[in-house]
């Protein structure tokens, strides 16, 4: 996948546990753009906002016995606008979901 050259460049990777009851997990696809809002659950604060993140590589692990996906990871990149914690001009993202403890 190629990203358009831009004045800023950001890359990263995210690991996740696969939840078959959460339909958004099925939307991860290589080559798909998505908005990433990375936050800190302990403080429910936003850390990074990436409006156009391109999923460049997706890996899914499956349970050999049952065949269901169990966890995954994806590498992403953004060549356009992104916002660091506290950066001016950052949009107000949707509220972060609370995670049960």
Protein backbone atom coordinates (compact mmCIF):
# COMPACT_ATOMS: atom_id res chain seq x y z
CA UNK A 1 0.00 0.00 0.00
CA UNK A 2 1.30 3.44 -0.81
CA UNK A 3 0.56 6.58 1.08
CA UNK A 4 0.67 10.04 -0.48
CA UNK A 5 3.76 12.03 0.53
CA UNK A 6 2.84 14.66 3.07
CA UNK A 7 4.44 17.17 5.39
CA UNK A 8 4.00 14.82 8.36
CA UNK A 9 4.34 11.07 8.56
CA UNK A 10 3.17 8.73 11.30
CA UNK A 11 3.38 4.95 11.52
CA UNK A 12 2.46 2.51 14.25
CA UNK A 13 1.00 -0.85 15.09
CA UNK A 14 -1.87 -1.94 17.28
CA UNK A 15 -2.48 -5.33 18.88
CA UNK A 16 -5.99 -6.35 19.85
CA UNK A 17 -8.04 -9.23 21.22
CA UNK A 18 -10.70 -10.36 18.76
CA UNK A 19 -14.27 -10.15 20.03
CA UNK A 20 -16.77 -12.04 17.86
CA UNK A 21 -19.64 -10.10 19.44
CA UNK A 22 -18.16 -6.72 18.44
CA UNK A 23 -18.88 -6.19 14.72
CA UNK A 24 -16.26 -3.45 14.29
CA UNK A 25 -13.53 -6.09 14.49
CA UNK A 26 -14.73 -7.42 11.13
CA UNK A 27 -14.11 -4.06 9.46
CA UNK A 28 -10.31 -4.24 9.70
CA UNK A 29 -8.99 -4.79 6.19
CA UNK A 30 -5.64 -4.13 4.56
CA UNK A 31 -5.85 -1.05 2.37
CA UNK A 32 -8.80 0.42 4.28
CA UNK A 33 -8.62 3.87 5.85
CA UNK A 34 -10.08 4.48 9.27
CA UNK A 35 -10.08 7.10 12.00
CA UNK A 36 -8.02 6.17 15.04
CA UNK A 37 -8.58 7.79 18.41
CA UNK A 38 -5.99 6.46 20.81
CA UNK A 39 -6.65 7.11 24.45
CA UNK A 40 -5.68 6.25 27.96
CA UNK A 41 -8.46 4.33 29.71
CA UNK A 42 -7.24 5.01 33.25
CA UNK A 43 -7.84 8.73 32.77
CA UNK A 44 -10.38 8.50 29.90
CA UNK A 45 -8.28 11.06 28.04
CA UNK A 46 -7.43 11.26 24.37
CA UNK A 47 -3.78 10.77 23.54
CA UNK A 48 -3.63 10.82 19.71
CA UNK A 49 -6.18 11.51 16.95
CA UNK A 50 -5.45 10.17 13.47
CA UNK A 51 -8.30 11.12 11.09
CA UNK A 52 -6.99 9.13 8.08
CA UNK A 53 -5.00 6.04 9.06
CA UNK A 54 -4.28 3.50 6.33
CA UNK A 55 -4.17 -0.13 7.47
CA UNK A 56 -1.07 -1.42 5.72
CA UNK A 57 -0.75 -4.94 7.15
CA UNK A 58 -3.25 -7.04 9.09
CA UNK A 59 -2.51 -10.25 10.99
CA UNK A 60 -5.19 -12.43 12.60
CA UNK A 61 -4.49 -15.43 14.87
CA UNK A 62 -7.06 -18.21 15.02
CA UNK A 63 -7.90 -20.98 17.45
CA UNK A 64 -6.77 -24.17 15.71
CA UNK A 65 -9.46 -26.28 17.40
CA UNK A 66 -12.46 -24.03 16.81
CA UNK A 67 -11.31 -21.94 13.86
CA UNK A 68 -12.43 -18.66 15.42
CA UNK A 69 -10.15 -15.61 15.39
CA UNK A 70 -8.62 -14.89 18.80
CA UNK A 71 -6.34 -11.87 18.41
CA UNK A 72 -4.73 -9.71 15.80
CA UNK A 73 -2.58 -6.75 14.98
CA UNK A 74 -2.32 -4.17 12.25
CA UNK A 75 0.33 -1.77 11.05
CA UNK A 76 -0.91 1.64 10.01
CA UNK A 77 0.41 4.84 8.56
CA UNK A 78 -0.83 8.37 8.12
CA UNK A 79 0.68 10.87 5.76
CA UNK A 80 -1.68 13.70 6.44
CA UNK A 81 -3.05 15.48 9.44
CA UNK A 82 -2.79 13.89 12.86
CA UNK A 83 -2.87 15.38 16.33
CA UNK A 84 -0.55 14.71 19.23
CA UNK A 85 -1.80 15.02 22.84
CA UNK A 86 -2.86 18.63 23.51
CA UNK A 87 -2.02 19.83 20.00
CA UNK A 88 -3.93 22.93 18.87
CA UNK A 89 -6.66 22.39 16.30
CA UNK A 90 -7.44 18.82 17.31
CA UNK A 91 -11.09 17.89 16.75
CA UNK A 92 -13.26 16.88 19.67
CA UNK A 93 -13.50 13.09 19.25
CA UNK A 94 -16.45 11.00 20.26
CA UNK A 95 -16.37 9.97 23.95
CA UNK A 96 -14.03 7.08 24.61
CA UNK A 97 -15.83 3.92 25.68
CA UNK A 98 -15.35 2.84 29.24
CA UNK A 99 -13.64 -0.48 29.79
CA UNK A 100 -14.96 -2.73 32.55
CA UNK A 101 -12.38 -3.48 35.21
